[in-house]
Amino acid sequence: MFGYLNSCLHLLFFMNYNIYKDDNMEKEIVKSVVEMSAYVFERGLVSGKAGNVSARFKGEKGDIVAITPTLKSLADLREEDIVLVNEKGELLTKGKPSSEVGMHLAIYREKPDVYGIAHTHSPYATGFAFSAKKIKRLEGFGAIKSEYLKDIEYFKPGSKELAEAASEALKTEDAIILKNHGVIATGETVKEAAALVEFVEEIAKTQFVTHVLNSIE
């Protein structure tokens, strides 16, 4: 009986969403998530089935988040692979969202001016994340407010603790390092978020090369 009731409620939810959705906006946002997912993969910022990308847009009944699915490579996603959820994390379309959907939603709640998020495991920046060294901020992407990129302690991927820690740290930052994990960046658009994770990787690479050269006598 409860299974039947849940199925009815789920169907009603989808029907209600379809009444109010903006098809043009949805298609544009979903397309941008697919494009930026392919971009971060092609740029070597993620590999395998790692990483996740999302974008937020306004719906008639509140915010809607388009996010990459779980257990699928960002390399060749199709528009129908992208999962839509509301601000509570309730499914609006078929599919299973990234296991980090809770982190994305928590960040959006804390940052009303953010409409795009990219989370990557790029090799140089993630190398720093697994070390005791910090990544120094360099010019090229906004004002330098502090000497180093902020990092947060390790929490299990997909956990409530990670979502809370990341969203809290990003209140005053546009990108942070997740210790022993990777990088997450925000932007006014998903394209801006993707550009920022790429920039973080580039400055990490520059600093790695600098550390190596300085160690040579």
C-alpha atoms as a PDB file:
ATOM      1  CA  MET A   1       0.000   0.000   0.000  1.00  0.00           C
ATOM      2  CA  PHE A   2       2.754   2.423   0.936  1.00  0.00           C
ATOM      3  CA  GLY A   3       4.625   1.614  -2.270  1.00  0.00           C
ATOM      4  CA  TYR A   4       1.520   2.393  -4.317  1.00  0.00           C
ATOM      5  CA  LEU A   5       0.987   5.656  -2.410  1.00  0.00           C
ATOM      6  CA  ASN A   6       4.595   6.713  -2.973  1.00  0.00           C
ATOM      7  CA  SER A   7       4.281   5.974  -6.680  1.00  0.00           C
ATOM      8  CA  CYS A   8       1.155   8.126  -6.904  1.00  0.00           C
ATOM      9  CA  LEU A   9       2.787  10.998  -5.052  1.00  0.00           C
ATOM     10  CA  HIS A  10       5.866  10.763  -7.273  1.00  0.00           C
ATOM     11  CA  LEU A  11       3.719  10.854 -10.413  1.00  0.00           C
ATOM     12  CA  LEU A  12       1.766  13.826  -9.077  1.00  0.00           C
ATOM     13  CA  PHE A  13       5.013  15.634  -8.389  1.00  0.00           C
ATOM     14  CA  PHE A  14       6.232  15.131 -11.962  1.00  0.00           C
ATOM     15  CA  MET A  15       2.881  16.277 -13.359  1.00  0.00           C
ATOM     16  CA  ASN A  16       2.960  19.398 -11.222  1.00  0.00           C
ATOM     17  CA  TYR A  17       6.494  20.171 -12.385  1.00  0.00           C
ATOM     18  CA  ASN A  18       5.584  19.768 -16.047  1.00  0.00           C
ATOM     19  CA  ILE A  19       2.791  22.329 -15.693  1.00  0.00           C
ATOM     20  CA  TYR A  20       5.114  25.048 -14.448  1.00  0.00           C
ATOM     21  CA  LYS A  21       8.448  24.386 -16.167  1.00  0.00           C
ATOM     22  CA  ASP A  22      10.005  26.827 -18.639  1.00  0.00           C
ATOM     23  CA  ASP A  23      11.109  24.632 -21.547  1.00  0.00           C
ATOM     24  CA  ASN A  24      13.404  27.220 -23.147  1.00  0.00           C
ATOM     25  CA  MET A  25      15.261  28.014 -19.935  1.00  0.00           C
ATOM     26  CA  GLU A  26      15.519  24.355 -19.005  1.00  0.00           C
ATOM     27  CA  LYS A  27      16.978  23.372 -22.386  1.00  0.00           C
ATOM     28  CA  GLU A  28      19.511  26.193 -22.257  1.00  0.00           C
ATOM     29  CA  ILE A  29      20.675  25.285 -18.751  1.00  0.00           C
ATOM     30  CA  VAL A  30      20.815  21.546 -19.427  1.00  0.00           C
ATOM     31  CA  LYS A  31      22.811  22.168 -22.598  1.00  0.00           C
ATOM     32  CA  SER A  32      25.304  24.336 -20.680  1.00  0.00           C
ATOM     33  CA  VAL A  33      25.794  21.603 -18.063  1.00  0.00           C
ATOM     34  CA  VAL A  34      26.488  19.033 -20.790  1.00  0.00           C
ATOM     35  CA  GLU A  35      28.921  21.384 -22.552  1.00  0.00           C
ATOM     36  CA  MET A  36      30.835  22.323 -19.400  1.00  0.00           C
ATOM     37  CA  SER A  37      30.967  18.685 -18.282  1.00  0.00           C
ATOM     38  CA  ALA A  38      32.644  17.780 -21.577  1.00  0.00           C
ATOM     39  CA  TYR A  39      34.920  20.799 -21.242  1.00  0.00           C
ATOM     40  CA  VAL A  40      36.321  19.895 -17.812  1.00  0.00           C
ATOM     41  CA  PHE A  41      36.863  16.315 -18.986  1.00  0.00           C
ATOM     42  CA  GLU A  42      38.622  17.372 -22.172  1.00  0.00           C
ATOM     43  CA  ARG A  43      40.839  19.753 -20.203  1.00  0.00           C
ATOM     44  CA  GLY A  44      41.964  16.901 -17.965  1.00  0.00           C
ATOM     45  CA  LEU A  45      40.286  18.258 -14.846  1.00  0.00           C
ATOM     46  CA  VAL A  46      38.397  14.989 -14.283  1.00  0.00           C
ATOM     47  CA  SER A  47      38.831  11.417 -15.455  1.00  0.00           C
ATOM     48  CA  GLY A  48      36.866   8.204 -15.364  1.00  0.00           C
ATOM     49  CA  LYS A  49      33.476   8.795 -13.770  1.00  0.00           C
ATOM     50  CA  ALA A  50      34.723  11.408 -11.290  1.00  0.00           C
ATOM     51  CA  GLY A  51      33.537  14.984 -10.812  1.00  0.00           C
ATOM     52  CA  ASN A  52      30.193  16.713 -11.036  1.00  0.00           C
ATOM     53  CA  VAL A  53      28.765  19.879 -12.552  1.00  0.00           C
ATOM     54  CA  SER A  54      25.517  21.733 -11.939  1.00  0.00           C
ATOM     55  CA  ALA A  55      23.598  24.878 -12.825  1.00  0.00           C
ATOM     56  CA  ARG A  56      20.669  26.547 -11.132  1.00  0.00           C
ATOM     57  CA  PHE A  57      17.756  28.376 -12.694  1.00  0.00           C
ATOM     58  CA  LYS A  58      14.511  29.879 -11.502  1.00  0.00           C
ATOM     59  CA  GLY A  59      11.333  27.890 -11.868  1.00  0.00           C
ATOM     60  CA  GLU A  60       7.775  29.021 -11.299  1.00  0.00           C
ATOM     61  CA  LYS A  61       7.706  27.247  -7.937  1.00  0.00           C
ATOM     62  CA  GLY A  62      11.283  27.840  -6.793  1.00  0.00           C
ATOM     63  CA  ASP A  63      14.842  27.087  -7.797  1.00  0.00           C
ATOM     64  CA  ILE A  64      15.665  24.122 -10.013  1.00  0.00           C
ATOM     65  CA  VAL A  65      19.115  22.558 -10.210  1.00  0.00           C
ATOM     66  CA  ALA A  66      20.357  20.656 -13.264  1.00  0.00           C
ATOM     67  CA  ILE A  67      23.134  18.285 -12.192  1.00  0.00           C
ATOM     68  CA  THR A  68      25.217  15.553 -13.756  1.00  0.00           C
ATOM     69  CA  PRO A  69      24.191  11.954 -12.995  1.00  0.00           C
ATOM     70  CA  THR A  70      25.981   9.519 -10.736  1.00  0.00           C
ATOM     71  CA  LEU A  71      28.311   6.850 -12.128  1.00  0.00           C
ATOM     72  CA  LYS A  72      28.561   8.357 -15.614  1.00  0.00           C
ATOM     73  CA  SER A  73      31.599   9.939 -17.195  1.00  0.00           C
ATOM     74  CA  LEU A  74      31.394  13.671 -17.840  1.00  0.00           C
ATOM     75  CA  ALA A  75      33.069  13.026 -21.192  1.00  0.00           C
ATOM     76  CA  ASP A  76      30.043  12.172 -23.292  1.00  0.00           C
ATOM     77  CA  LEU A  77      26.871  13.036 -21.418  1.00  0.00           C
ATOM     78  CA  ARG A  78      23.690  13.691 -23.352  1.00  0.00           C
ATOM     79  CA  GLU A  79      21.045  16.230 -22.414  1.00  0.00           C
ATOM     80  CA  GLU A  80      18.678  13.452 -21.335  1.00  0.00           C
ATOM     81  CA  ASP A  81      21.316  12.270 -18.813  1.00  0.00           C
ATOM     82  CA  ILE A  82      21.136  15.499 -16.806  1.00  0.00           C
ATOM     83  CA  VAL A  83      18.957  15.221 -13.701  1.00  0.00           C
ATOM     84  CA  LEU A  84      16.720  18.015 -12.432  1.00  0.00           C
ATOM     85  CA  VAL A  85      15.977  18.428  -8.733  1.00  0.00           C
ATOM     86  CA  ASN A  86      14.242  21.129  -6.744  1.00  0.00           C
ATOM     87  CA  GLU A  87      15.874  23.069  -3.895  1.00  0.00           C
ATOM     88  CA  LYS A  88      14.905  20.273  -1.478  1.00  0.00           C
ATOM     89  CA  GLY A  89      16.650  17.667  -3.599  1.00  0.00           C
ATOM     90  CA  GLU A  90      13.407  16.084  -4.820  1.00  0.00           C
ATOM     91  CA  LEU A  91      13.602  14.571  -8.288  1.00  0.00           C
ATOM     92  CA  LEU A  92      11.867  16.432 -11.103  1.00  0.00           C
ATOM     93  CA  THR A  93      13.051  14.141 -13.882  1.00  0.00           C
ATOM     94  CA  LYS A  94      14.166  10.565 -14.300  1.00  0.00           C
ATOM     95  CA  GLY A  95      17.674   9.475 -13.383  1.00  0.00           C
ATOM     96  CA  LYS A  96      19.894   9.465 -10.318  1.00  0.00           C
ATOM     97  CA  PRO A  97      21.795  12.684  -9.533  1.00  0.00           C
ATOM     98  CA  SER A  98      25.429  12.844  -8.498  1.00  0.00           C
ATOM     99  CA  SER A  99      26.116  11.625  -4.974  1.00  0.00           C
ATOM    100  CA  GLU A 100      27.343  15.171  -4.278  1.00  0.00           C
ATOM    101  CA  VAL A 101      23.942  16.726  -4.998  1.00  0.00           C
ATOM    102  CA  GLY A 102      23.566  17.590  -1.309  1.00  0.00           C
ATOM    103  CA  MET A 103      26.763  19.632  -1.410  1.00  0.00           C
ATOM    104  CA  HIS A 104      25.631  21.513  -4.507  1.00  0.00           C
ATOM    105  CA  LEU A 105      22.250  22.317  -2.946  1.00  0.00           C
ATOM    106  CA  ALA A 106      23.844  23.450   0.323  1.00  0.00           C
ATOM    107  CA  ILE A 107      26.153  25.814  -1.579  1.00  0.00           C
ATOM    108  CA  TYR A 108      23.283  27.267  -3.604  1.00  0.00           C
ATOM    109  CA  ARG A 109      21.344  27.905  -0.401  1.00  0.00           C
ATOM    110  CA  GLU A 110      24.273  29.834   1.068  1.00  0.00           C
ATOM    111  CA  LYS A 111      25.114  31.747  -2.120  1.00  0.00           C
ATOM    112  CA  PRO A 112      22.050  33.243  -3.827  1.00  0.00           C
ATOM    113  CA  ASP A 113      24.248  34.921  -6.460  1.00  0.00           C
ATOM    114  CA  VAL A 114      25.744  31.611  -7.614  1.00  0.00           C
ATOM    115  CA  TYR A 115      24.183  29.772 -10.553  1.00  0.00           C
ATOM    116  CA  GLY A 116      26.917  27.309 -11.449  1.00  0.00           C
ATOM    117  CA  ILE A 117      29.157  24.831  -9.608  1.00  0.00           C
ATOM    118  CA  ALA A 118      31.986  22.588 -10.800  1.00  0.00           C
ATOM    119  CA  HIS A 119      33.685  19.923  -8.684  1.00  0.00           C
ATOM    120  CA  THR A 120      36.821  18.317 -10.122  1.00  0.00           C
ATOM    121  CA  HIS A 121      39.745  16.087  -9.176  1.00  0.00           C
ATOM    122  CA  SER A 122      42.382  17.769 -11.336  1.00  0.00           C
ATOM    123  CA  PRO A 123      45.847  16.239 -10.831  1.00  0.00           C
ATOM    124  CA  TYR A 124      47.958  19.187  -9.695  1.00  0.00           C
ATOM    125  CA  ALA A 125      45.364  20.841  -7.463  1.00  0.00           C
ATOM    126  CA  THR A 126      44.386  17.471  -6.008  1.00  0.00           C
ATOM    127  CA  GLY A 127      48.062  16.724  -5.431  1.00  0.00           C
ATOM    128  CA  PHE A 128      48.189  19.837  -3.270  1.00  0.00           C
ATOM    129  CA  ALA A 129      44.997  18.673  -1.554  1.00  0.00           C
ATOM    130  CA  PHE A 130      46.779  15.466  -0.522  1.00  0.00           C
ATOM    131  CA  SER A 131      49.852  17.334   0.715  1.00  0.00           C
ATOM    132  CA  ALA A 132      50.621  19.803   3.471  1.00  0.00           C
ATOM    133  CA  LYS A 133      51.264  22.583   0.950  1.00  0.00           C
ATOM    134  CA  LYS A 134      48.723  25.265   0.114  1.00  0.00           C
ATOM    135  CA  ILE A 135      47.936  26.829  -3.250  1.00  0.00           C
ATOM    136  CA  LYS A 136      48.838  30.489  -3.373  1.00  0.00           C
ATOM    137  CA  ARG A 137      46.348  32.809  -5.016  1.00  0.00           C
ATOM    138  CA  LEU A 138      47.554  34.461  -8.219  1.00  0.00           C
ATOM    139  CA  GLU A 139      46.127  37.250 -10.326  1.00  0.00           C
ATOM    140  CA  GLY A 140      43.874  36.286 -13.170  1.00  0.00           C
ATOM    141  CA  PHE A 141      40.496  35.476 -11.696  1.00  0.00           C
ATOM    142  CA  GLY A 142      39.003  38.170  -9.505  1.00  0.00           C
ATOM    143  CA  ALA A 143      40.380  40.107  -6.567  1.00  0.00           C
ATOM    144  CA  ILE A 144      42.957  38.478  -4.300  1.00  0.00           C
ATOM    145  CA  LYS A 145      41.381  38.583  -0.854  1.00  0.00           C
ATOM    146  CA  SER A 146      43.753  36.172   0.886  1.00  0.00           C
ATOM    147  CA  GLU A 147      47.217  34.739   0.266  1.00  0.00           C
ATOM    148  CA  TYR A 148      46.133  31.130  -0.172  1.00  0.00           C
ATOM    149  CA  LEU A 149      43.093  29.249  -1.392  1.00  0.00           C
ATOM    150  CA  LYS A 150      41.023  28.136   1.566  1.00  0.00           C
ATOM    151  CA  ASP A 151      40.886  24.424   2.257  1.00  0.00           C
ATOM    152  CA  ILE A 152      38.615  22.304   4.421  1.00  0.00           C
ATOM    153  CA  GLU A 153      39.290  19.069   6.223  1.00  0.00           C
ATOM    154  CA  TYR A 154      38.439  15.735   4.653  1.00  0.00           C
ATOM    155  CA  PHE A 155      34.887  14.462   4.932  1.00  0.00           C
ATOM    156  CA  LYS A 156      33.449  11.446   3.166  1.00  0.00           C
ATOM    157  CA  PRO A 157      32.262  12.303  -0.373  1.00  0.00           C
ATOM    158  CA  GLY A 158      28.497  12.648  -0.522  1.00  0.00           C
ATOM    159  CA  SER A 159      28.194  13.131   3.235  1.00  0.00           C
ATOM    160  CA  LYS A 160      26.159  15.740   5.072  1.00  0.00           C
ATOM    161  CA  GLU A 161      29.339  16.811   6.862  1.00  0.00           C
ATOM    162  CA  LEU A 162      31.081  17.595   3.574  1.00  0.00           C
ATOM    163  CA  ALA A 163      28.053  19.532   2.311  1.00  0.00           C
ATOM    164  CA  GLU A 164      27.955  21.630   5.475  1.00  0.00           C
ATOM    165  CA  ALA A 165      31.699  22.293   5.580  1.00  0.00           C
ATOM    166  CA  ALA A 166      31.974  23.173   1.891  1.00  0.00           C
ATOM    167  CA  SER A 167      28.954  25.486   1.862  1.00  0.00           C
ATOM    168  CA  GLU A 168      30.189  27.248   5.003  1.00  0.00           C
ATOM    169  CA  ALA A 169      33.684  27.789   3.562  1.00  0.00           C
ATOM    170  CA  LEU A 170      32.295  29.040   0.247  1.00  0.00           C
ATOM    171  CA  LYS A 171      30.248  31.770   1.911  1.00  0.00           C
ATOM    172  CA  THR A 172      33.253  34.063   1.474  1.00  0.00           C
ATOM    173  CA  GLU A 173      35.147  32.227  -1.267  1.00  0.00           C
ATOM    174  CA  ASP A 174      34.592  31.382  -4.923  1.00  0.00           C
ATOM    175  CA  ALA A 175      36.736  28.242  -4.863  1.00  0.00           C
ATOM    176  CA  ILE A 176      38.099  25.943  -2.163  1.00  0.00           C
ATOM    177  CA  ILE A 177      40.293  22.877  -1.843  1.00  0.00           C
ATOM    178  CA  LEU A 178      38.737  19.760  -0.346  1.00  0.00           C
ATOM    179  CA  LYS A 179      41.557  18.049   1.559  1.00  0.00           C
ATOM    180  CA  ASN A 180      42.409  14.571   0.219  1.00  0.00           C
ATOM    181  CA  HIS A 181      39.665  14.994  -2.362  1.00  0.00           C
ATOM    182  CA  GLY A 182      39.694  17.769  -4.972  1.00  0.00           C
ATOM    183  CA  VAL A 183      38.467  21.232  -5.916  1.00  0.00           C
ATOM    184  CA  ILE A 184      35.083  22.922  -5.980  1.00  0.00           C
ATOM    185  CA  ALA A 185      34.329  26.298  -7.559  1.00  0.00           C
ATOM    186  CA  THR A 186      31.300  28.499  -7.990  1.00  0.00           C
ATOM    187  CA  GLY A 187      30.282  31.127 -10.508  1.00  0.00           C
ATOM    188  CA  GLU A 188      27.491  33.315 -11.777  1.00  0.00           C
ATOM    189  CA  THR A 189      27.196  30.711 -14.542  1.00  0.00           C
ATOM    190  CA  VAL A 190      28.330  27.111 -14.893  1.00  0.00           C
ATOM    191  CA  LYS A 191      30.795  28.286 -17.564  1.00  0.00           C
ATOM    192  CA  GLU A 192      32.388  30.636 -15.048  1.00  0.00           C
ATOM    193  CA  ALA A 193      32.613  27.850 -12.458  1.00  0.00           C
ATOM    194  CA  ALA A 194      34.304  25.581 -15.016  1.00  0.00           C
ATOM    195  CA  ALA A 195      36.748  28.346 -15.950  1.00  0.00           C
ATOM    196  CA  LEU A 196      37.604  28.812 -12.284  1.00  0.00           C
ATOM    197  CA  VAL A 197      38.414  25.150 -11.601  1.00  0.00           C
ATOM    198  CA  GLU A 198      40.638  25.272 -14.678  1.00  0.00           C
ATOM    199  CA  PHE A 199      42.362  28.384 -13.360  1.00  0.00           C
ATOM    200  CA  VAL A 200      42.935  26.726  -9.983  1.00  0.00           C
ATOM    201  CA  GLU A 201      44.566  23.785 -11.766  1.00  0.00           C
ATOM    202  CA  GLU A 202      46.809  26.102 -13.771  1.00  0.00           C
ATOM    203  CA  ILE A 203      48.081  27.990 -10.723  1.00  0.00           C
ATOM    204  CA  ALA A 204      48.616  24.682  -8.910  1.00  0.00           C
ATOM    205  CA  LYS A 205      50.658  23.458 -11.882  1.00  0.00           C
ATOM    206  CA  THR A 206      52.709  26.660 -11.938  1.00  0.00           C
ATOM    207  CA  GLN A 207      53.441  26.404  -8.242  1.00  0.00           C
ATOM    208  CA  PHE A 208      54.345  22.716  -8.496  1.00  0.00           C
ATOM    209  CA  VAL A 209      56.866  23.487 -11.243  1.00  0.00           C
ATOM    210  CA  THR A 210      58.215  26.363  -9.136  1.00  0.00           C
ATOM    211  CA  HIS A 211      58.673  24.074  -6.114  1.00  0.00           C
ATOM    212  CA  VAL A 212      60.518  21.534  -8.287  1.00  0.00           C
ATOM    213  CA  LEU A 213      62.797  24.112  -9.890  1.00  0.00           C
ATOM    214  CA  ASN A 214      63.586  25.719  -6.558  1.00  0.00           C
ATOM    215  CA  SER A 215      64.635  22.325  -5.220  1.00  0.00           C
ATOM    216  CA  ILE A 216      67.258  21.883  -7.945  1.00  0.00           C
ATOM    217  CA  GLU A 217      70.710  23.050  -6.972  1.00  0.00           C
END
